[in-house]
């Protein structure tokens, strides 16, 4: 019996790419979304539809989901992984960076949910997996705006779970600590980037994206009547 369709946003690198490889190896057809189409195609995964979509574009995201469902059948899970981490001090950080994180980390997650949730509710089954952060549970220096967006992901996920539990839809929050991805490279303040790298080194290094992908797959593999509401994971040496 063929496996059902899974959607992964921000799938061109890091956690998204690792999750795509893992779920593909388990036989799932995939819809992979990111702004860098060539990086998606370079993954070379079978039964995979790759589309250049910025998740802040609600119409484009919904169109891609409909296209994938026409080819592979209904979406059984979405991994809302696309996000931005633009660290800075509120007193001098460019407000456009706040806007980008709010649009991507909050509204992009909502758009991903909306693209698949009505069908899941109608079918009485489905899994929504939102990739947040330990920064959605506690605060860190130079993280104010980012922390705000990730606290929002945690809150939205829990509230959504309450809304759709009786419909048989599962909602999972994945909250990793520091992960070796491209996220930090988008921070424009060189001193903050350097401090963050030094902090990671002092903790003995960050998580490999594969570890987060395994956590996502673990939550998804549970029987339909079991919801792993939240998984928090970090490198052993990361104290905070």
C-alpha atoms as a PDB file:
ATOM      1  CA  UNK A   1       0.000   0.000   0.000  1.00  0.00           C
ATOM      2  CA  UNK A   2       1.424   3.377  -0.988  1.00  0.00           C
ATOM      3  CA  UNK A   3       2.218   5.947   1.682  1.00  0.00           C
ATOM      4  CA  UNK A   4       0.299   9.248   1.894  1.00  0.00           C
ATOM      5  CA  UNK A   5       1.458  12.698   0.822  1.00  0.00           C
ATOM      6  CA  UNK A   6       3.481  14.944   3.137  1.00  0.00           C
ATOM      7  CA  UNK A   7       4.166  18.653   2.578  1.00  0.00           C
ATOM      8  CA  UNK A   8       7.406  20.228   3.828  1.00  0.00           C
ATOM      9  CA  UNK A   9       8.042  23.971   3.731  1.00  0.00           C
ATOM     10  CA  UNK A  10      11.530  25.430   3.833  1.00  0.00           C
ATOM     11  CA  UNK A  11      12.782  22.150   2.399  1.00  0.00           C
ATOM     12  CA  UNK A  12      15.830  23.423   0.508  1.00  0.00           C
ATOM     13  CA  UNK A  13      18.319  23.022   3.379  1.00  0.00           C
ATOM     14  CA  UNK A  14      18.792  22.210   7.040  1.00  0.00           C
ATOM     15  CA  UNK A  15      15.925  20.593   8.923  1.00  0.00           C
ATOM     16  CA  UNK A  16      13.584  20.690   5.933  1.00  0.00           C
ATOM     17  CA  UNK A  17      15.999  18.900   3.601  1.00  0.00           C
ATOM     18  CA  UNK A  18      16.897  16.301   6.236  1.00  0.00           C
ATOM     19  CA  UNK A  19      13.217  15.635   6.898  1.00  0.00           C
ATOM     20  CA  UNK A  20      12.524  15.316   3.185  1.00  0.00           C
ATOM     21  CA  UNK A  21      15.268  12.725   2.753  1.00  0.00           C
ATOM     22  CA  UNK A  22      14.082  10.718   5.745  1.00  0.00           C
ATOM     23  CA  UNK A  23      10.372  10.671   4.887  1.00  0.00           C
ATOM     24  CA  UNK A  24      11.132   9.945   1.241  1.00  0.00           C
ATOM     25  CA  UNK A  25      13.258   6.972   2.308  1.00  0.00           C
ATOM     26  CA  UNK A  26      10.197   5.683   4.162  1.00  0.00           C
ATOM     27  CA  UNK A  27       8.161   5.755   0.973  1.00  0.00           C
ATOM     28  CA  UNK A  28       6.174   8.975   1.213  1.00  0.00           C
ATOM     29  CA  UNK A  29       5.432  11.139  -1.819  1.00  0.00           C
ATOM     30  CA  UNK A  30       6.361  14.714  -1.013  1.00  0.00           C
ATOM     31  CA  UNK A  31       5.537  18.283  -1.869  1.00  0.00           C
ATOM     32  CA  UNK A  32       8.666  20.338  -1.169  1.00  0.00           C
ATOM     33  CA  UNK A  33       8.382  24.114  -1.013  1.00  0.00           C
ATOM     34  CA  UNK A  34      11.106  26.752  -0.822  1.00  0.00           C
ATOM     35  CA  UNK A  35      12.270  29.877  -2.601  1.00  0.00           C
ATOM     36  CA  UNK A  36      15.336  28.071  -4.012  1.00  0.00           C
ATOM     37  CA  UNK A  37      13.849  25.602  -6.478  1.00  0.00           C
ATOM     38  CA  UNK A  38      17.231  24.357  -7.682  1.00  0.00           C
ATOM     39  CA  UNK A  39      18.145  23.233  -4.157  1.00  0.00           C
ATOM     40  CA  UNK A  40      14.919  21.240  -3.919  1.00  0.00           C
ATOM     41  CA  UNK A  41      15.528  19.552  -7.250  1.00  0.00           C
ATOM     42  CA  UNK A  42      19.114  18.717  -6.283  1.00  0.00           C
ATOM     43  CA  UNK A  43      17.764  16.475  -3.525  1.00  0.00           C
ATOM     44  CA  UNK A  44      16.742  14.089  -6.317  1.00  0.00           C
ATOM     45  CA  UNK A  45      13.954  12.399  -4.367  1.00  0.00           C
ATOM     46  CA  UNK A  46      11.419  10.066  -6.066  1.00  0.00           C
ATOM     47  CA  UNK A  47       7.696  10.852  -6.137  1.00  0.00           C
ATOM     48  CA  UNK A  48       8.404  14.439  -5.206  1.00  0.00           C
ATOM     49  CA  UNK A  49       6.880  17.656  -6.492  1.00  0.00           C
ATOM     50  CA  UNK A  50       9.166  20.665  -6.013  1.00  0.00           C
ATOM     51  CA  UNK A  51       7.791  24.192  -6.243  1.00  0.00           C
ATOM     52  CA  UNK A  52       9.311  27.640  -5.789  1.00  0.00           C
ATOM     53  CA  UNK A  53       6.959  29.070  -3.167  1.00  0.00           C
ATOM     54  CA  UNK A  54       7.469  31.692  -0.478  1.00  0.00           C
ATOM     55  CA  UNK A  55       5.095  30.656   2.308  1.00  0.00           C
ATOM     56  CA  UNK A  56       4.116  34.285   2.838  1.00  0.00           C
ATOM     57  CA  UNK A  57       2.302  33.981  -0.523  1.00  0.00           C
ATOM     58  CA  UNK A  58      -0.916  32.324   0.607  1.00  0.00           C
ATOM     59  CA  UNK A  59      -2.347  31.803  -2.873  1.00  0.00           C
ATOM     60  CA  UNK A  60       0.830  30.218  -4.244  1.00  0.00           C
ATOM     61  CA  UNK A  61       1.057  27.887  -1.258  1.00  0.00           C
ATOM     62  CA  UNK A  62      -2.537  26.753  -1.640  1.00  0.00           C
ATOM     63  CA  UNK A  63      -2.107  26.250  -5.385  1.00  0.00           C
ATOM     64  CA  UNK A  64       0.946  24.050  -4.842  1.00  0.00           C
ATOM     65  CA  UNK A  65      -0.921  21.920  -2.296  1.00  0.00           C
ATOM     66  CA  UNK A  66      -3.853  21.434  -4.689  1.00  0.00           C
ATOM     67  CA  UNK A  67      -1.456  20.454  -7.490  1.00  0.00           C
ATOM     68  CA  UNK A  68       0.293  17.895  -5.280  1.00  0.00           C
ATOM     69  CA  UNK A  69      -3.010  16.426  -4.090  1.00  0.00           C
ATOM     70  CA  UNK A  70      -4.155  15.967  -7.667  1.00  0.00           C
ATOM     71  CA  UNK A  71      -1.024  13.935  -8.317  1.00  0.00           C
ATOM     72  CA  UNK A  72      -0.504  12.036  -5.048  1.00  0.00           C
ATOM     73  CA  UNK A  73      -3.801  12.151  -3.160  1.00  0.00           C
ATOM     74  CA  UNK A  74      -4.765  13.983   0.033  1.00  0.00           C
ATOM     75  CA  UNK A  75      -2.165  15.577   2.297  1.00  0.00           C
ATOM     76  CA  UNK A  76      -1.716  13.463   5.418  1.00  0.00           C
ATOM     77  CA  UNK A  77       0.817  15.763   7.093  1.00  0.00           C
ATOM     78  CA  UNK A  78       2.466  19.130   6.748  1.00  0.00           C
ATOM     79  CA  UNK A  79       5.783  20.106   8.295  1.00  0.00           C
ATOM     80  CA  UNK A  80       5.719  23.886   8.692  1.00  0.00           C
ATOM     81  CA  UNK A  81       9.462  24.353   8.801  1.00  0.00           C
ATOM     82  CA  UNK A  82      10.118  27.547   6.818  1.00  0.00           C
ATOM     83  CA  UNK A  83      11.342  30.333   9.064  1.00  0.00           C
ATOM     84  CA  UNK A  84      13.824  33.128   9.618  1.00  0.00           C
ATOM     85  CA  UNK A  85      16.047  33.924  12.595  1.00  0.00           C
ATOM     86  CA  UNK A  86      17.170  37.535  12.385  1.00  0.00           C
ATOM     87  CA  UNK A  87      18.798  38.337  15.702  1.00  0.00           C
ATOM     88  CA  UNK A  88      19.218  41.888  16.903  1.00  0.00           C
ATOM     89  CA  UNK A  89      18.682  44.426  19.657  1.00  0.00           C
ATOM     90  CA  UNK A  90      15.254  46.028  19.455  1.00  0.00           C
ATOM     91  CA  UNK A  91      16.762  49.493  19.972  1.00  0.00           C
ATOM     92  CA  UNK A  92      18.681  49.347  16.708  1.00  0.00           C
ATOM     93  CA  UNK A  93      17.428  46.391  14.668  1.00  0.00           C
ATOM     94  CA  UNK A  94      15.800  47.309  11.378  1.00  0.00           C
ATOM     95  CA  UNK A  95      12.018  47.081  11.672  1.00  0.00           C
ATOM     96  CA  UNK A  96      11.917  45.348   8.278  1.00  0.00           C
ATOM     97  CA  UNK A  97      13.599  42.368   9.949  1.00  0.00           C
ATOM     98  CA  UNK A  98      10.754  42.155  12.463  1.00  0.00           C
ATOM     99  CA  UNK A  99       8.283  42.282   9.592  1.00  0.00           C
ATOM    100  CA  UNK A 100      10.047  39.446   7.787  1.00  0.00           C
ATOM    101  CA  UNK A 101      10.020  37.195  10.849  1.00  0.00           C
ATOM    102  CA  UNK A 102       6.379  37.930  11.650  1.00  0.00           C
ATOM    103  CA  UNK A 103       5.385  37.272   8.040  1.00  0.00           C
ATOM    104  CA  UNK A 104       7.406  34.072   7.709  1.00  0.00           C
ATOM    105  CA  UNK A 105       7.417  32.570  11.203  1.00  0.00           C
ATOM    106  CA  UNK A 106       3.811  33.366  12.112  1.00  0.00           C
ATOM    107  CA  UNK A 107       1.733  34.105   9.039  1.00  0.00           C
ATOM    108  CA  UNK A 108       3.600  31.523   6.943  1.00  0.00           C
ATOM    109  CA  UNK A 109       2.751  28.850   9.507  1.00  0.00           C
ATOM    110  CA  UNK A 110      -0.900  29.920   9.515  1.00  0.00           C
ATOM    111  CA  UNK A 111      -1.005  29.829   5.720  1.00  0.00           C
ATOM    112  CA  UNK A 112       0.475  26.329   5.707  1.00  0.00           C
ATOM    113  CA  UNK A 113      -2.098  25.165   8.224  1.00  0.00           C
ATOM    114  CA  UNK A 114      -4.974  26.704   6.293  1.00  0.00           C
ATOM    115  CA  UNK A 115      -3.869  25.079   3.027  1.00  0.00           C
ATOM    116  CA  UNK A 116      -4.314  21.563   4.447  1.00  0.00           C
ATOM    117  CA  UNK A 117      -6.586  21.757   7.498  1.00  0.00           C
ATOM    118  CA  UNK A 118     -10.054  21.856   5.885  1.00  0.00           C
ATOM    119  CA  UNK A 119      -9.338  18.624   4.032  1.00  0.00           C
ATOM    120  CA  UNK A 120      -7.939  16.965   7.147  1.00  0.00           C
ATOM    121  CA  UNK A 121     -10.989  17.918   9.199  1.00  0.00           C
ATOM    122  CA  UNK A 122     -13.299  16.625   6.464  1.00  0.00           C
ATOM    123  CA  UNK A 123     -11.427  13.300   6.352  1.00  0.00           C
ATOM    124  CA  UNK A 124     -11.119  13.052  10.132  1.00  0.00           C
ATOM    125  CA  UNK A 125      -7.359  12.515  10.002  1.00  0.00           C
ATOM    126  CA  UNK A 126      -4.103  14.361   9.495  1.00  0.00           C
ATOM    127  CA  UNK A 127      -1.030  15.712  11.260  1.00  0.00           C
ATOM    128  CA  UNK A 128       0.219  19.278  11.454  1.00  0.00           C
ATOM    129  CA  UNK A 129       3.821  19.582  12.610  1.00  0.00           C
ATOM    130  CA  UNK A 130       5.043  23.078  13.415  1.00  0.00           C
ATOM    131  CA  UNK A 131       8.787  23.590  13.801  1.00  0.00           C
ATOM    132  CA  UNK A 132       9.315  26.144  16.549  1.00  0.00           C
ATOM    133  CA  UNK A 133      12.330  26.502  18.852  1.00  0.00           C
ATOM    134  CA  UNK A 134      13.360  26.421  22.493  1.00  0.00           C
ATOM    135  CA  UNK A 135      13.162  30.180  21.924  1.00  0.00           C
ATOM    136  CA  UNK A 136       9.409  29.617  21.888  1.00  0.00           C
ATOM    137  CA  UNK A 137       9.635  28.585  25.542  1.00  0.00           C
ATOM    138  CA  UNK A 138      12.276  30.903  27.047  1.00  0.00           C
ATOM    139  CA  UNK A 139      14.178  34.090  26.211  1.00  0.00           C
ATOM    140  CA  UNK A 140      17.708  34.712  24.972  1.00  0.00           C
ATOM    141  CA  UNK A 141      19.877  37.820  24.477  1.00  0.00           C
ATOM    142  CA  UNK A 142      19.310  39.653  21.172  1.00  0.00           C
ATOM    143  CA  UNK A 143      16.329  37.399  20.356  1.00  0.00           C
ATOM    144  CA  UNK A 144      13.377  39.634  21.299  1.00  0.00           C
ATOM    145  CA  UNK A 145      11.508  39.734  17.991  1.00  0.00           C
ATOM    146  CA  UNK A 146      12.460  36.167  17.073  1.00  0.00           C
ATOM    147  CA  UNK A 147      11.387  34.865  20.491  1.00  0.00           C
ATOM    148  CA  UNK A 148       8.063  36.632  20.045  1.00  0.00           C
ATOM    149  CA  UNK A 149       7.388  34.811  16.788  1.00  0.00           C
ATOM    150  CA  UNK A 150       8.318  31.430  18.234  1.00  0.00           C
ATOM    151  CA  UNK A 151       6.234  31.927  21.367  1.00  0.00           C
ATOM    152  CA  UNK A 152       3.423  32.605  18.907  1.00  0.00           C
ATOM    153  CA  UNK A 153       4.035  29.293  17.135  1.00  0.00           C
ATOM    154  CA  UNK A 154       3.804  27.436  20.441  1.00  0.00           C
ATOM    155  CA  UNK A 155       0.597  29.235  21.417  1.00  0.00           C
ATOM    156  CA  UNK A 156      -1.046  28.824  18.019  1.00  0.00           C
ATOM    157  CA  UNK A 157      -0.152  25.137  17.926  1.00  0.00           C
ATOM    158  CA  UNK A 158      -1.645  24.409  21.332  1.00  0.00           C
ATOM    159  CA  UNK A 159      -4.802  26.384  20.628  1.00  0.00           C
ATOM    160  CA  UNK A 160      -5.188  24.703  17.246  1.00  0.00           C
ATOM    161  CA  UNK A 161      -4.740  21.288  18.832  1.00  0.00           C
ATOM    162  CA  UNK A 162      -7.652  22.047  21.142  1.00  0.00           C
ATOM    163  CA  UNK A 163      -9.777  23.112  18.171  1.00  0.00           C
ATOM    164  CA  UNK A 164      -9.180  20.064  15.998  1.00  0.00           C
ATOM    165  CA  UNK A 165      -8.558  17.198  18.441  1.00  0.00           C
ATOM    166  CA  UNK A 166     -12.185  16.063  18.261  1.00  0.00           C
ATOM    167  CA  UNK A 167     -11.896  15.969  14.450  1.00  0.00           C
ATOM    168  CA  UNK A 168      -9.050  13.445  14.639  1.00  0.00           C
ATOM    169  CA  UNK A 169      -6.344  15.898  13.541  1.00  0.00           C
ATOM    170  CA  UNK A 170      -3.048  15.913  15.441  1.00  0.00           C
ATOM    171  CA  UNK A 171      -0.952  19.014  16.105  1.00  0.00           C
ATOM    172  CA  UNK A 172       2.708  18.658  17.064  1.00  0.00           C
ATOM    173  CA  UNK A 173       5.259  21.297  18.066  1.00  0.00           C
ATOM    174  CA  UNK A 174       8.947  20.533  17.509  1.00  0.00           C
ATOM    175  CA  UNK A 175      11.202  22.815  19.579  1.00  0.00           C
ATOM    176  CA  UNK A 176      14.909  22.368  18.828  1.00  0.00           C
ATOM    177  CA  UNK A 177      17.766  24.200  20.452  1.00  0.00           C
ATOM    178  CA  UNK A 178      20.658  25.401  18.309  1.00  0.00           C
ATOM    179  CA  UNK A 179      20.883  23.464  15.028  1.00  0.00           C
ATOM    180  CA  UNK A 180      23.626  23.552  12.396  1.00  0.00           C
ATOM    181  CA  UNK A 181      21.642  25.278   9.648  1.00  0.00           C
ATOM    182  CA  UNK A 182      21.823  28.438   7.542  1.00  0.00           C
ATOM    183  CA  UNK A 183      19.528  30.393   9.895  1.00  0.00           C
ATOM    184  CA  UNK A 184      22.265  32.331  11.665  1.00  0.00           C
ATOM    185  CA  UNK A 185      23.779  33.534   8.384  1.00  0.00           C
ATOM    186  CA  UNK A 186      20.753  35.768   7.820  1.00  0.00           C
ATOM    187  CA  UNK A 187      21.535  37.860  10.922  1.00  0.00           C
ATOM    188  CA  UNK A 188      23.081  41.124   9.748  1.00  0.00           C
ATOM    189  CA  UNK A 189      24.920  42.100  12.957  1.00  0.00           C
ATOM    190  CA  UNK A 190      28.398  40.547  12.740  1.00  0.00           C
ATOM    191  CA  UNK A 191      29.039  40.834  16.487  1.00  0.00           C
ATOM    192  CA  UNK A 192      25.813  39.022  17.349  1.00  0.00           C
ATOM    193  CA  UNK A 193      26.668  36.292  14.822  1.00  0.00           C
ATOM    194  CA  UNK A 194      30.101  35.899  16.398  1.00  0.00           C
ATOM    195  CA  UNK A 195      28.689  35.739  19.932  1.00  0.00           C
ATOM    196  CA  UNK A 196      26.173  33.108  18.838  1.00  0.00           C
ATOM    197  CA  UNK A 197      28.869  30.975  17.220  1.00  0.00           C
ATOM    198  CA  UNK A 198      30.997  31.237  20.362  1.00  0.00           C
ATOM    199  CA  UNK A 199      27.991  30.197  22.455  1.00  0.00           C
ATOM    200  CA  UNK A 200      27.410  27.146  20.235  1.00  0.00           C
ATOM    201  CA  UNK A 201      31.079  26.189  20.524  1.00  0.00           C
ATOM    202  CA  UNK A 202      30.978  26.487  24.312  1.00  0.00           C
ATOM    203  CA  UNK A 203      28.066  24.048  24.321  1.00  0.00           C
ATOM    204  CA  UNK A 204      30.064  21.499  22.345  1.00  0.00           C
ATOM    205  CA  UNK A 205      28.311  22.256  19.065  1.00  0.00           C
ATOM    206  CA  UNK A 206      24.743  22.342  17.836  1.00  0.00           C
ATOM    207  CA  UNK A 207      22.345  19.601  16.774  1.00  0.00           C
ATOM    208  CA  UNK A 208      22.659  17.959  13.398  1.00  0.00           C
ATOM    209  CA  UNK A 209      19.484  18.604  11.346  1.00  0.00           C
ATOM    210  CA  UNK A 210      19.073  14.829  11.051  1.00  0.00           C
ATOM    211  CA  UNK A 211      18.340  14.631  14.786  1.00  0.00           C
ATOM    212  CA  UNK A 212      15.436  17.041  14.368  1.00  0.00           C
ATOM    213  CA  UNK A 213      14.205  15.149  11.307  1.00  0.00           C
ATOM    214  CA  UNK A 214      14.155  11.954  13.388  1.00  0.00           C
ATOM    215  CA  UNK A 215      12.084  13.706  16.054  1.00  0.00           C
ATOM    216  CA  UNK A 216       9.605  14.873  13.421  1.00  0.00           C
ATOM    217  CA  UNK A 217       9.336  11.379  11.960  1.00  0.00           C
ATOM    218  CA  UNK A 218       8.930   9.844  15.427  1.00  0.00           C
ATOM    219  CA  UNK A 219       5.971  12.093  16.216  1.00  0.00           C
ATOM    220  CA  UNK A 220       4.392  11.417  12.833  1.00  0.00           C
ATOM    221  CA  UNK A 221       4.816   7.620  13.056  1.00  0.00           C
ATOM    222  CA  UNK A 222       2.661   7.316  16.188  1.00  0.00           C
ATOM    223  CA  UNK A 223      -0.736   5.598  15.877  1.00  0.00           C
ATOM    224  CA  UNK A 224      -3.531   7.991  14.862  1.00  0.00           C
ATOM    225  CA  UNK A 225      -4.931   8.021  18.397  1.00  0.00           C
ATOM    226  CA  UNK A 226      -1.595   9.210  19.864  1.00  0.00           C
ATOM    227  CA  UNK A 227      -0.453  12.822  19.646  1.00  0.00           C
ATOM    228  CA  UNK A 228       3.047  13.778  20.715  1.00  0.00           C
ATOM    229  CA  UNK A 229       2.090  17.337  21.564  1.00  0.00           C
ATOM    230  CA  UNK A 230       5.608  18.718  21.872  1.00  0.00           C
ATOM    231  CA  UNK A 231       9.192  17.540  21.502  1.00  0.00           C
ATOM    232  CA  UNK A 232      11.956  19.726  22.953  1.00  0.00           C
ATOM    233  CA  UNK A 233      15.486  18.689  22.009  1.00  0.00           C
ATOM    234  CA  UNK A 234      18.920  20.274  22.141  1.00  0.00           C
ATOM    235  CA  UNK A 235      22.576  19.365  22.189  1.00  0.00           C
ATOM    236  CA  UNK A 236      23.457  17.842  25.555  1.00  0.00           C
ATOM    237  CA  UNK A 237      25.932  20.629  26.261  1.00  0.00           C
ATOM    238  CA  UNK A 238      23.378  23.390  25.661  1.00  0.00           C
ATOM    239  CA  UNK A 239      22.437  24.494  29.168  1.00  0.00           C
ATOM    240  CA  UNK A 240      19.784  27.079  28.287  1.00  0.00           C
END
